[in-house]
C-alpha atoms as a PDB file:
ATOM      1  CA  HIS A   1     -41.839 -91.545  48.630  1.00  0.00           C
ATOM      2  CA  LEU A   2     -39.877 -93.865  46.345  1.00  0.00           C
ATOM      3  CA  THR A   3     -37.338 -96.187  47.944  1.00  0.00           C
ATOM      4  CA  PRO A   4     -35.400 -99.065  46.333  1.00  0.00           C
ATOM      5  CA  GLY A   5     -37.137-102.411  46.432  1.00  0.00           C
ATOM      6  CA  PRO A   6     -40.455-101.702  48.188  1.00  0.00           C
ATOM      7  CA  PRO A   7     -42.389-104.734  49.491  1.00  0.00           C
ATOM      8  CA  PRO A   8     -44.901-106.101  46.952  1.00  0.00           C
ATOM      9  CA  MET A   9     -47.914-105.296  49.126  1.00  0.00           C
ATOM     10  CA  ASP A  10     -46.775-101.796  50.057  1.00  0.00           C
ATOM     11  CA  VAL A  11     -48.998 -99.638  47.870  1.00  0.00           C
ATOM     12  CA  ARG A  12     -47.681 -96.184  47.074  1.00  0.00           C
ATOM     13  CA  ARG A  13     -49.283 -93.465  45.026  1.00  0.00           C
ATOM     14  CA  ARG A  14     -49.113 -89.743  44.538  1.00  0.00           C
ATOM     15  CA  PRO A  15     -50.478 -87.721  47.479  1.00  0.00           C
ATOM     16  CA  GLY A  16     -54.257 -87.727  47.508  1.00  0.00           C
ATOM     17  CA  ALA A  17     -54.819 -91.331  46.428  1.00  0.00           C
ATOM     18  CA  ALA A  18     -57.585 -92.892  48.461  1.00  0.00           C
ATOM     19  CA  ALA A  19     -58.924 -96.073  46.910  1.00  0.00           C
ATOM     20  CA  ALA A  20     -58.608 -99.721  47.897  1.00  0.00           C
ATOM     21  CA  ASP A  21     -55.796-101.427  46.027  1.00  0.00           C
ATOM     22  CA  ARG A  22     -55.101-104.493  48.171  1.00  0.00           C
ATOM     23  CA  PRO A  23     -56.194-107.923  46.879  1.00  0.00           C
ATOM     24  CA  THR A  24     -59.080-109.402  48.822  1.00  0.00           C
ATOM     25  CA  LYS A  25     -58.681-112.615  50.806  1.00  0.00           C
ATOM     26  CA  SER A  26     -60.636-114.548  48.223  1.00  0.00           C
ATOM     27  CA  ARG A  27     -58.176-113.499  45.534  1.00  0.00           C
ATOM     28  CA  PRO A  28     -54.462-114.174  46.121  1.00  0.00           C
ATOM     29  CA  ALA A  29     -51.949-111.511  45.220  1.00  0.00           C
ATOM     30  CA  ALA A  30     -50.492-113.606  42.382  1.00  0.00           C
ATOM     31  CA  ALA A  31     -53.904-114.030  40.771  1.00  0.00           C
ATOM     32  CA  ALA A  32     -54.635-110.347  41.175  1.00  0.00           C
ATOM     33  CA  ALA A  33     -51.346-109.403  39.528  1.00  0.00           C
ATOM     34  CA  ALA A  34     -52.168-111.654  36.582  1.00  0.00           C
ATOM     35  CA  ALA A  35     -55.644-110.149  36.112  1.00  0.00           C
ATOM     36  CA  PRO A  36     -56.305-108.328  32.847  1.00  0.00           C
ATOM     37  CA  ALA A  37     -55.853-104.589  32.964  1.00  0.00           C
ATOM     38  CA  ALA A  38     -58.929-102.421  33.105  1.00  0.00           C
ATOM     39  CA  ALA A  39     -59.792-100.300  30.118  1.00  0.00           C
ATOM     40  CA  PRO A  40     -58.883 -96.606  30.396  1.00  0.00           C
ATOM     41  CA  GLY A  41     -61.520 -94.753  32.404  1.00  0.00           C
ATOM     42  CA  ASP A  42     -62.918 -97.901  34.021  1.00  0.00           C
ATOM     43  CA  LEU A  43     -63.475 -97.659  37.755  1.00  0.00           C
ATOM     44  CA  VAL A  44     -61.836-100.476  39.693  1.00  0.00           C
ATOM     45  CA  LEU A  45     -62.871 -99.929  43.292  1.00  0.00           C
ATOM     46  CA  ARG A  46     -63.191-102.952  45.526  1.00  0.00           C
ATOM     47  CA  PRO A  47     -65.839-102.938  48.281  1.00  0.00           C
ATOM     48  CA  PRO A  48     -64.692-101.435  51.602  1.00  0.00           C
ATOM     49  CA  ASN A  49     -63.097-103.732  54.144  1.00  0.00           C
ATOM     50  CA  LEU A  50     -66.010-103.463  56.588  1.00  0.00           C
ATOM     51  CA  ARG A  51     -64.736-106.239  58.841  1.00  0.00           C
ATOM     52  CA  LEU A  52     -61.551-104.282  59.502  1.00  0.00           C
ATOM     53  CA  VAL A  53     -63.378-100.967  59.889  1.00  0.00           C
ATOM     54  CA  LEU A  54     -65.947-102.310  62.349  1.00  0.00           C
ATOM     55  CA  ALA A  55     -63.188-103.982  64.367  1.00  0.00           C
ATOM     56  CA  ALA A  56     -61.221-100.715  64.454  1.00  0.00           C
ATOM     57  CA  MET A  57     -64.352 -98.782  65.430  1.00  0.00           C
ATOM     58  CA  ALA A  58     -65.015-101.165  68.325  1.00  0.00           C
ATOM     59  CA  LEU A  59     -61.366-101.102  69.388  1.00  0.00           C
ATOM     60  CA  PHE A  60     -61.081 -97.310  69.465  1.00  0.00           C
ATOM     61  CA  LEU A  61     -64.557 -96.280  70.584  1.00  0.00           C
ATOM     62  CA  ALA A  62     -65.010 -98.895  73.329  1.00  0.00           C
ATOM     63  CA  PRO A  63     -62.442 -97.332  75.740  1.00  0.00           C
ATOM     64  CA  PHE A  64     -63.822 -93.849  75.071  1.00  0.00           C
ATOM     65  CA  SER A  65     -67.428 -94.973  75.635  1.00  0.00           C
ATOM     66  CA  TYR A  66     -66.519 -96.828  78.823  1.00  0.00           C
ATOM     67  CA  LEU A  67     -64.719 -93.818  80.274  1.00  0.00           C
ATOM     68  CA  ALA A  68     -67.459 -91.361  79.265  1.00  0.00           C
ATOM     69  CA  PHE A  69     -70.518 -93.344  80.327  1.00  0.00           C
ATOM     70  CA  VAL A  70     -69.323 -95.802  83.002  1.00  0.00           C
ATOM     71  CA  HIS A  71     -66.012 -94.894  84.631  1.00  0.00           C
ATOM     72  CA  TYR A  72     -66.398 -91.138  85.121  1.00  0.00           C
ATOM     73  CA  PRO A  73     -69.537 -89.471  86.569  1.00  0.00           C
ATOM     74  CA  LEU A  74     -69.916 -86.919  83.771  1.00  0.00           C
ATOM     75  CA  ALA A  75     -72.757 -84.420  83.839  1.00  0.00           C
ATOM     76  CA  ALA A  76     -76.005 -85.541  82.213  1.00  0.00           C
ATOM     77  CA  ASP A  77     -76.042 -82.681  79.685  1.00  0.00           C
ATOM     78  CA  LEU A  78     -72.457 -83.476  78.629  1.00  0.00           C
ATOM     79  CA  ARG A  79     -73.303 -87.140  78.120  1.00  0.00           C
ATOM     80  CA  ARG A  80     -76.356 -86.107  76.118  1.00  0.00           C
ATOM     81  CA  SER A  81     -74.214 -83.891  73.862  1.00  0.00           C
ATOM     82  CA  ILE A  82     -71.678 -86.701  73.335  1.00  0.00           C
ATOM     83  CA  LEU A  83     -74.491 -89.119  72.434  1.00  0.00           C
ATOM     84  CA  ILE A  84     -75.976 -86.672  69.914  1.00  0.00           C
ATOM     85  CA  CYS A  85     -72.543 -86.005  68.397  1.00  0.00           C
ATOM     86  CA  GLY A  86     -71.883 -89.755  68.237  1.00  0.00           C
ATOM     87  CA  ALA A  87     -75.218 -90.486  66.560  1.00  0.00           C
ATOM     88  CA  ILE A  88     -74.703 -87.823  63.880  1.00  0.00           C
ATOM     89  CA  SER A  89     -71.105 -88.966  63.399  1.00  0.00           C
ATOM     90  CA  LEU A  90     -72.231 -92.574  62.893  1.00  0.00           C
ATOM     91  CA  GLY A  91     -74.639 -91.365  60.223  1.00  0.00           C
ATOM     92  CA  GLY A  92     -71.726 -89.565  58.569  1.00  0.00           C
ATOM     93  CA  PHE A  93     -69.776 -92.840  58.519  1.00  0.00           C
ATOM     94  CA  PHE A  94     -72.428 -94.487  56.328  1.00  0.00           C
ATOM     95  CA  VAL A  95     -72.759 -91.393  54.119  1.00  0.00           C
ATOM     96  CA  VAL A  96     -69.015 -91.441  53.372  1.00  0.00           C
ATOM     97  CA  LEU A  97     -69.189 -95.163  52.559  1.00  0.00           C
ATOM     98  CA  ARG A  98     -71.945 -94.398  50.061  1.00  0.00           C
ATOM     99  CA  LEU A  99     -70.405 -91.294  48.485  1.00  0.00           C
ATOM    100  CA  ILE A 100     -66.817 -92.468  47.916  1.00  0.00           C
ATOM    101  CA  PRO A 101     -67.661 -94.741  44.935  1.00  0.00           C
ATOM    102  CA  VAL A 102     -69.823 -91.956  43.464  1.00  0.00           C
ATOM    103  CA  ALA A 103     -67.089 -89.331  43.840  1.00  0.00           C
ATOM    104  CA  ALA A 104     -64.468 -91.749  42.468  1.00  0.00           C
ATOM    105  CA  ARG A 105     -66.294 -91.941  39.138  1.00  0.00           C
ATOM    106  CA  TYR A 106     -66.400 -88.154  38.811  1.00  0.00           C
ATOM    107  CA  LEU A 107     -62.708 -87.853  39.695  1.00  0.00           C
ATOM    108  CA  LEU A 108     -61.750 -90.460  37.085  1.00  0.00           C
ATOM    109  CA  ARG A 109     -63.867 -88.633  34.534  1.00  0.00           C
ATOM    110  CA  ARG A 110     -61.886 -85.446  35.248  1.00  0.00           C
ATOM    111  CA  GLY A 111     -58.555 -87.289  34.950  1.00  0.00           C
ATOM    112  CA  MET A 112     -57.712 -87.135  38.672  1.00  0.00           C
ATOM    113  CA  PHE A 113     -56.151 -90.552  39.172  1.00  0.00           C
ATOM    114  CA  GLY A 114     -52.811 -92.253  39.752  1.00  0.00           C
ATOM    115  CA  LYS A 115     -51.201 -95.646  39.156  1.00  0.00           C
ATOM    116  CA  ASP A 116     -49.884 -98.150  41.693  1.00  0.00           C
ATOM    117  CA  ILE A 117     -46.139 -97.761  41.098  1.00  0.00           C
ATOM    118  CA  ASN A 118     -45.345-100.903  43.112  1.00  0.00           C
ATOM    119  CA  LYS A 119     -47.083-102.937  40.389  1.00  0.00           C
ATOM    120  CA  LYS A 120     -45.423-101.157  37.493  1.00  0.00           C
ATOM    121  CA  GLY A 121     -44.997-103.514  34.539  1.00  0.00           C
ATOM    122  CA  LEU A 122     -47.865-105.750  35.648  1.00  0.00           C
ATOM    123  CA  PRO A 123     -51.492-105.612  34.461  1.00  0.00           C
ATOM    124  CA  MET A 124     -52.569-104.414  37.937  1.00  0.00           C
ATOM    125  CA  GLY A 125     -50.160-101.512  37.576  1.00  0.00           C
ATOM    126  CA  GLU A 126     -52.229-100.122  34.705  1.00  0.00           C
ATOM    127  CA  ILE A 127     -55.410 -99.766  36.800  1.00  0.00           C
ATOM    128  CA  THR A 128     -56.297 -96.139  37.440  1.00  0.00           C
ATOM    129  CA  VAL A 129     -56.681 -95.299  41.140  1.00  0.00           C
ATOM    130  CA  PRO A 130     -58.968 -92.313  41.898  1.00  0.00           C
ATOM    131  CA  GLU A 131     -57.390 -89.542  43.938  1.00  0.00           C
ATOM    132  CA  SER A 132     -58.587 -86.630  46.099  1.00  0.00           C
ATOM    133  CA  LEU A 133     -61.274 -88.696  47.794  1.00  0.00           C
ATOM    134  CA  GLY A 134     -60.452 -86.894  51.024  1.00  0.00           C
ATOM    135  CA  ILE A 135     -62.759 -84.168  49.688  1.00  0.00           C
ATOM    136  CA  VAL A 136     -65.702 -86.491  50.437  1.00  0.00           C
ATOM    137  CA  VAL A 137     -64.604 -86.996  54.044  1.00  0.00           C
ATOM    138  CA  GLY A 138     -64.027 -83.262  54.485  1.00  0.00           C
ATOM    139  CA  ILE A 139     -67.427 -82.199  53.167  1.00  0.00           C
ATOM    140  CA  VAL A 140     -69.343 -84.797  55.201  1.00  0.00           C
ATOM    141  CA  TYR A 141     -67.342 -83.834  58.300  1.00  0.00           C
ATOM    142  CA  LEU A 142     -68.241 -80.172  57.866  1.00  0.00           C
ATOM    143  CA  VAL A 143     -71.939 -80.974  57.425  1.00  0.00           C
ATOM    144  CA  ILE A 144     -71.917 -83.073  60.622  1.00  0.00           C
ATOM    145  CA  ALA A 145     -70.130 -80.362  62.598  1.00  0.00           C
ATOM    146  CA  ILE A 146     -72.538 -77.668  61.362  1.00  0.00           C
ATOM    147  CA  LEU A 147     -75.621 -79.768  62.147  1.00  0.00           C
ATOM    148  CA  PHE A 148     -74.313 -80.476  65.643  1.00  0.00           C
ATOM    149  CA  GLN A 149     -74.366 -76.739  66.428  1.00  0.00           C
ATOM    150  CA  HIS A 150     -78.163 -76.858  66.374  1.00  0.00           C
ATOM    151  CA  PHE A 151     -78.269 -79.368  69.238  1.00  0.00           C
ATOM    152  CA  ASN A 152     -75.477 -78.077  71.458  1.00  0.00           C
ATOM    153  CA  PHE A 153     -74.761 -74.364  71.107  1.00  0.00           C
ATOM    154  CA  THR A 154     -77.020 -71.413  71.816  1.00  0.00           C
ATOM    155  CA  ALA A 155     -76.735 -68.061  70.074  1.00  0.00           C
ATOM    156  CA  ASP A 156     -74.930 -66.527  73.069  1.00  0.00           C
ATOM    157  CA  SER A 157     -72.587 -69.460  73.709  1.00  0.00           C
ATOM    158  CA  ILE A 158     -69.019 -68.372  74.461  1.00  0.00           C
ATOM    159  CA  TRP A 159     -67.713 -71.359  72.498  1.00  0.00           C
ATOM    160  CA  LEU A 160     -69.663 -70.684  69.319  1.00  0.00           C
ATOM    161  CA  VAL A 161     -67.152 -68.205  67.886  1.00  0.00           C
ATOM    162  CA  GLU A 162     -64.221 -70.589  68.356  1.00  0.00           C
ATOM    163  CA  TYR A 163     -66.281 -73.507  67.032  1.00  0.00           C
ATOM    164  CA  ASN A 164     -67.101 -71.632  63.823  1.00  0.00           C
ATOM    165  CA  ALA A 165     -63.493 -70.461  63.562  1.00  0.00           C
ATOM    166  CA  ALA A 166     -62.344 -74.083  63.794  1.00  0.00           C
ATOM    167  CA  LEU A 167     -64.799 -75.046  61.035  1.00  0.00           C
ATOM    168  CA  ALA A 168     -63.533 -72.140  58.919  1.00  0.00           C
ATOM    169  CA  SER A 169     -59.968 -73.427  59.306  1.00  0.00           C
ATOM    170  CA  VAL A 170     -61.055 -76.957  58.365  1.00  0.00           C
ATOM    171  CA  CYS A 171     -62.955 -75.643  55.334  1.00  0.00           C
ATOM    172  CA  PHE A 172     -59.965 -73.541  54.294  1.00  0.00           C
ATOM    173  CA  MET A 173     -57.624 -76.526  54.584  1.00  0.00           C
ATOM    174  CA  ILE A 174     -59.962 -78.768  52.558  1.00  0.00           C
ATOM    175  CA  LEU A 175     -59.987 -76.142  49.796  1.00  0.00           C
ATOM    176  CA  LEU A 176     -56.201 -75.775  49.835  1.00  0.00           C
ATOM    177  CA  GLY A 177     -55.748 -79.561  49.906  1.00  0.00           C
ATOM    178  CA  PHE A 178     -57.986 -79.992  46.880  1.00  0.00           C
ATOM    179  CA  ILE A 179     -56.114 -77.216  45.075  1.00  0.00           C
ATOM    180  CA  ASP A 180     -52.884 -79.093  45.875  1.00  0.00           C
ATOM    181  CA  ASP A 181     -54.245 -82.242  44.228  1.00  0.00           C
ATOM    182  CA  VAL A 182     -55.357 -80.308  41.152  1.00  0.00           C
ATOM    183  CA  LEU A 183     -52.271 -78.113  40.697  1.00  0.00           C
ATOM    184  CA  ASP A 184     -49.630 -80.449  42.222  1.00  0.00           C
ATOM    185  CA  ILE A 185     -48.149 -77.695  44.410  1.00  0.00           C
ATOM    186  CA  PRO A 186     -44.408 -78.042  45.287  1.00  0.00           C
ATOM    187  CA  TRP A 187     -43.432 -78.901  48.868  1.00  0.00           C
ATOM    188  CA  ARG A 188     -42.040 -75.470  49.696  1.00  0.00           C
ATOM    189  CA  VAL A 189     -45.518 -74.050  49.080  1.00  0.00           C
ATOM    190  CA  LYS A 190     -47.283 -76.878  50.929  1.00  0.00           C
ATOM    191  CA  LEU A 191     -45.455 -75.841  54.090  1.00  0.00           C
ATOM    192  CA  LEU A 192     -47.214 -72.472  53.944  1.00  0.00           C
ATOM    193  CA  LEU A 193     -50.766 -73.736  53.309  1.00  0.00           C
ATOM    194  CA  PRO A 194     -51.505 -74.765  56.931  1.00  0.00           C
ATOM    195  CA  THR A 195     -50.246 -71.356  58.052  1.00  0.00           C
ATOM    196  CA  ILE A 196     -52.957 -69.670  55.978  1.00  0.00           C
ATOM    197  CA  ALA A 197     -55.614 -72.191  57.006  1.00  0.00           C
ATOM    198  CA  ALA A 198     -54.891 -71.752  60.729  1.00  0.00           C
ATOM    199  CA  LEU A 199     -55.414 -67.964  60.670  1.00  0.00           C
ATOM    200  CA  PRO A 200     -59.201 -67.999  61.390  1.00  0.00           C
ATOM    201  CA  LEU A 201     -58.673 -70.164  64.470  1.00  0.00           C
ATOM    202  CA  LEU A 202     -55.723 -68.112  65.730  1.00  0.00           C
ATOM    203  CA  MET A 203     -57.579 -64.819  65.338  1.00  0.00           C
ATOM    204  CA  ALA A 204     -60.678 -66.091  67.173  1.00  0.00           C
ATOM    205  CA  TYR A 205     -58.855 -67.994  69.928  1.00  0.00           C
ATOM    206  CA  ALA A 206     -59.524 -66.556  73.372  1.00  0.00           C
ATOM    207  CA  GLY A 207     -58.773 -69.560  75.583  1.00  0.00           C
ATOM    208  CA  GLY A 208     -55.917 -70.340  77.936  1.00  0.00           C
ATOM    209  CA  THR A 209     -52.311 -69.763  76.917  1.00  0.00           C
ATOM    210  CA  SER A 210     -50.597 -72.195  79.287  1.00  0.00           C
ATOM    211  CA  ILE A 211     -49.292 -75.722  78.727  1.00  0.00           C
ATOM    212  CA  ILE A 212     -48.969 -78.623  81.166  1.00  0.00           C
ATOM    213  CA  ILE A 213     -45.381 -79.813  81.513  1.00  0.00           C
ATOM    214  CA  PRO A 214     -45.000 -83.624  81.348  1.00  0.00           C
ATOM    215  CA  LYS A 215     -44.303 -84.971  84.846  1.00  0.00           C
ATOM    216  CA  PRO A 216     -40.834 -86.375  84.024  1.00  0.00           C
ATOM    217  CA  LEU A 217     -39.789 -82.879  82.875  1.00  0.00           C
ATOM    218  CA  ALA A 218     -41.551 -80.773  85.533  1.00  0.00           C
ATOM    219  CA  SER A 219     -38.625 -80.934  87.974  1.00  0.00           C
ATOM    220  CA  TYR A 220     -36.248 -79.567  85.312  1.00  0.00           C
ATOM    221  CA  VAL A 221     -38.588 -76.757  84.199  1.00  0.00           C
ATOM    222  CA  GLY A 222     -39.484 -75.832  87.762  1.00  0.00           C
ATOM    223  CA  VAL A 223     -43.251 -75.565  87.238  1.00  0.00           C
ATOM    224  CA  GLU A 224     -46.057 -77.971  86.354  1.00  0.00           C
ATOM    225  CA  VAL A 225     -47.981 -75.402  84.279  1.00  0.00           C
ATOM    226  CA  LEU A 226     -46.047 -73.023  82.028  1.00  0.00           C
ATOM    227  CA  GLU A 227     -47.664 -69.759  80.917  1.00  0.00           C
ATOM    228  CA  LEU A 228     -46.634 -68.874  77.336  1.00  0.00           C
ATOM    229  CA  GLY A 229     -48.686 -65.724  76.705  1.00  0.00           C
ATOM    230  CA  TRP A 230     -48.538 -64.568  73.060  1.00  0.00           C
ATOM    231  CA  MET A 231     -46.081 -67.345  72.287  1.00  0.00           C
ATOM    232  CA  TYR A 232     -48.926 -69.848  72.722  1.00  0.00           C
ATOM    233  CA  LYS A 233     -50.487 -68.718  69.433  1.00  0.00           C
ATOM    234  CA  LEU A 234     -47.117 -69.090  67.733  1.00  0.00           C
ATOM    235  CA  PHE A 235     -46.960 -72.590  69.223  1.00  0.00           C
ATOM    236  CA  MET A 236     -50.452 -73.328  67.822  1.00  0.00           C
ATOM    237  CA  LEU A 237     -49.417 -72.088  64.385  1.00  0.00           C
ATOM    238  CA  LEU A 238     -46.248 -74.191  64.295  1.00  0.00           C
ATOM    239  CA  LEU A 239     -48.185 -77.208  65.579  1.00  0.00           C
ATOM    240  CA  ALA A 240     -50.728 -76.820  62.763  1.00  0.00           C
ATOM    241  CA  VAL A 241     -47.952 -76.719  60.158  1.00  0.00           C
ATOM    242  CA  PHE A 242     -46.160 -79.717  61.668  1.00  0.00           C
ATOM    243  CA  CYS A 243     -49.213 -81.939  62.143  1.00  0.00           C
ATOM    244  CA  THR A 244     -50.719 -81.455  58.697  1.00  0.00           C
ATOM    245  CA  ASN A 245     -47.442 -82.015  56.854  1.00  0.00           C
ATOM    246  CA  SER A 246     -46.357 -84.957  59.016  1.00  0.00           C
ATOM    247  CA  ILE A 247     -49.649 -86.657  58.100  1.00  0.00           C
ATOM    248  CA  ASN A 248     -49.648 -85.612  54.439  1.00  0.00           C
ATOM    249  CA  ILE A 249     -46.087 -86.802  53.837  1.00  0.00           C
ATOM    250  CA  HIS A 250     -47.373 -90.387  54.172  1.00  0.00           C
ATOM    251  CA  ALA A 251     -49.977 -89.930  51.427  1.00  0.00           C
ATOM    252  CA  GLY A 252     -49.634 -92.651  48.829  1.00  0.00           C
ATOM    253  CA  LEU A 253     -48.667 -95.338  51.340  1.00  0.00           C
ATOM    254  CA  ASN A 254     -51.774 -97.471  51.242  1.00  0.00           C
ATOM    255  CA  GLY A 255     -53.832 -96.905  54.376  1.00  0.00           C
ATOM    256  CA  LEU A 256     -51.018 -95.328  56.404  1.00  0.00           C
ATOM    257  CA  GLU A 257     -52.107 -91.699  56.093  1.00  0.00           C
ATOM    258  CA  VAL A 258     -55.726 -92.185  57.128  1.00  0.00           C
ATOM    259  CA  GLY A 259     -54.756 -95.104  59.400  1.00  0.00           C
ATOM    260  CA  GLN A 260     -52.540 -92.988  61.636  1.00  0.00           C
ATOM    261  CA  THR A 261     -55.215 -90.275  61.556  1.00  0.00           C
ATOM    262  CA  VAL A 262     -57.674 -92.762  63.057  1.00  0.00           C
ATOM    263  CA  VAL A 263     -55.211 -93.797  65.779  1.00  0.00           C
ATOM    264  CA  ILE A 264     -54.357 -90.202  66.712  1.00  0.00           C
ATOM    265  CA  SER A 265     -57.986 -89.033  66.810  1.00  0.00           C
ATOM    266  CA  ALA A 266     -58.958 -92.014  68.996  1.00  0.00           C
ATOM    267  CA  ALA A 267     -56.121 -91.156  71.401  1.00  0.00           C
ATOM    268  CA  VAL A 268     -57.273 -87.513  71.515  1.00  0.00           C
ATOM    269  CA  LEU A 269     -60.824 -88.627  72.380  1.00  0.00           C
ATOM    270  CA  ILE A 270     -59.597 -90.801  75.257  1.00  0.00           C
ATOM    271  CA  HIS A 271     -57.310 -88.034  76.525  1.00  0.00           C
ATOM    272  CA  ASN A 272     -60.168 -85.526  76.489  1.00  0.00           C
ATOM    273  CA  VAL A 273     -62.604 -87.670  78.450  1.00  0.00           C
ATOM    274  CA  MET A 274     -59.882 -88.490  81.011  1.00  0.00           C
ATOM    275  CA  ARG A 275     -59.156 -84.795  81.479  1.00  0.00           C
ATOM    276  CA  ILE A 276     -62.865 -84.033  81.899  1.00  0.00           C
ATOM    277  CA  GLY A 277     -63.286 -86.802  84.457  1.00  0.00           C
ATOM    278  CA  SER A 278     -60.229 -85.799  86.495  1.00  0.00           C
ATOM    279  CA  SER A 279     -60.870 -82.034  86.533  1.00  0.00           C
ATOM    280  CA  LYS A 280     -63.226 -80.012  88.719  1.00  0.00           C
ATOM    281  CA  ASP A 281     -62.730 -76.804  86.729  1.00  0.00           C
ATOM    282  CA  LEU A 282     -65.775 -76.073  84.547  1.00  0.00           C
ATOM    283  CA  GLU A 283     -63.821 -74.198  81.863  1.00  0.00           C
ATOM    284  CA  THR A 284     -61.351 -77.081  81.520  1.00  0.00           C
ATOM    285  CA  GLN A 285     -64.212 -79.545  81.151  1.00  0.00           C
ATOM    286  CA  GLN A 286     -65.886 -77.382  78.499  1.00  0.00           C
ATOM    287  CA  ALA A 287     -62.621 -77.001  76.580  1.00  0.00           C
ATOM    288  CA  HIS A 288     -62.082 -80.750  76.369  1.00  0.00           C
ATOM    289  CA  ALA A 289     -65.761 -81.351  75.523  1.00  0.00           C
ATOM    290  CA  PHE A 290     -65.272 -78.837  72.685  1.00  0.00           C
ATOM    291  CA  SER A 291     -62.428 -81.015  71.393  1.00  0.00           C
ATOM    292  CA  ILE A 292     -64.586 -84.161  71.601  1.00  0.00           C
ATOM    293  CA  TYR A 293     -67.302 -82.539  69.462  1.00  0.00           C
ATOM    294  CA  LEU A 294     -64.742 -81.824  66.729  1.00  0.00           C
ATOM    295  CA  VAL A 295     -62.784 -85.093  66.857  1.00  0.00           C
ATOM    296  CA  LEU A 296     -65.616 -87.652  67.124  1.00  0.00           C
ATOM    297  CA  PRO A 297     -67.036 -87.023  63.602  1.00  0.00           C
ATOM    298  CA  PHE A 298     -63.462 -86.834  62.334  1.00  0.00           C
ATOM    299  CA  LEU A 299     -62.822 -90.353  63.612  1.00  0.00           C
ATOM    300  CA  THR A 300     -65.962 -91.923  62.135  1.00  0.00           C
ATOM    301  CA  THR A 301     -65.622 -90.325  58.690  1.00  0.00           C
ATOM    302  CA  SER A 302     -61.925 -91.269  58.567  1.00  0.00           C
ATOM    303  CA  LEU A 303     -62.818 -94.874  59.432  1.00  0.00           C
ATOM    304  CA  ALA A 304     -65.094 -94.970  56.369  1.00  0.00           C
ATOM    305  CA  LEU A 305     -62.226 -93.832  54.136  1.00  0.00           C
ATOM    306  CA  LEU A 306     -59.908 -96.365  55.773  1.00  0.00           C
ATOM    307  CA  GLY A 307     -62.253 -99.147  54.664  1.00  0.00           C
ATOM    308  CA  PHE A 308     -61.493 -98.291  51.025  1.00  0.00           C
ATOM    309  CA  ASN A 309     -57.896 -97.176  51.519  1.00  0.00           C
ATOM    310  CA  TRP A 310     -56.665-100.171  53.511  1.00  0.00           C
END
């Protein structure tokens, strides 16, 4: 991700870096650059930017909450499930805030750190930045998603198999991502990792295989809903490869990787609740509620990481 002459405040690291590196408001950038370098192995991790995180949480969750609980007359049991998922997800937000500094010390101890290359030659450029802190977000996310099963799914639920398959794919991707940070896998191999991780979800998927054509393009395609059949799973596989790598390629740009993750997940939440409110088909509503249950904890745990990574 190196380019000639990057801006002074544009923090870039090796993929996996996830610690705050921006000077606080009370400490100007010039003073921070002149600060003495930390001793090798010392943890330099500023407190999370909670003001930014809380503002982002209000900005992204307010439209979703308004649509789910005020604008659309959603079923009472669906609102109850969203509230339970939201409460557990909020708890996960605080757990991630607490665990990141703890995990950072262990990662530094094992030599998993990088240097801020934009401050190379300055004392601040010698500070070790802990990497692979996404493992904390991933583990907390999985625990939240597993606990939520107890409150929402019964043993004979038709969505339980796909829910567990989705969690298996997430778990697989967390493992492969951590292996990437440890072994520094080349890009040609990274392109294949999401393909392997998506297999549990593809094998268990039994939902619809059609896509909705965007309205500006519907007149050219000739239909509003296009049935893809077996090609839909190929589409899902290619989408998994594209999305994960398009996010991961921004790793090392301070706050950009997890920042765009927060924006995308918030947009997915709003899209889901709008589709539920505008549809009378029960299966469609359940499918989009399924997406909400997976994305809501993803948003809150990512916001906690953003507080450090900003």
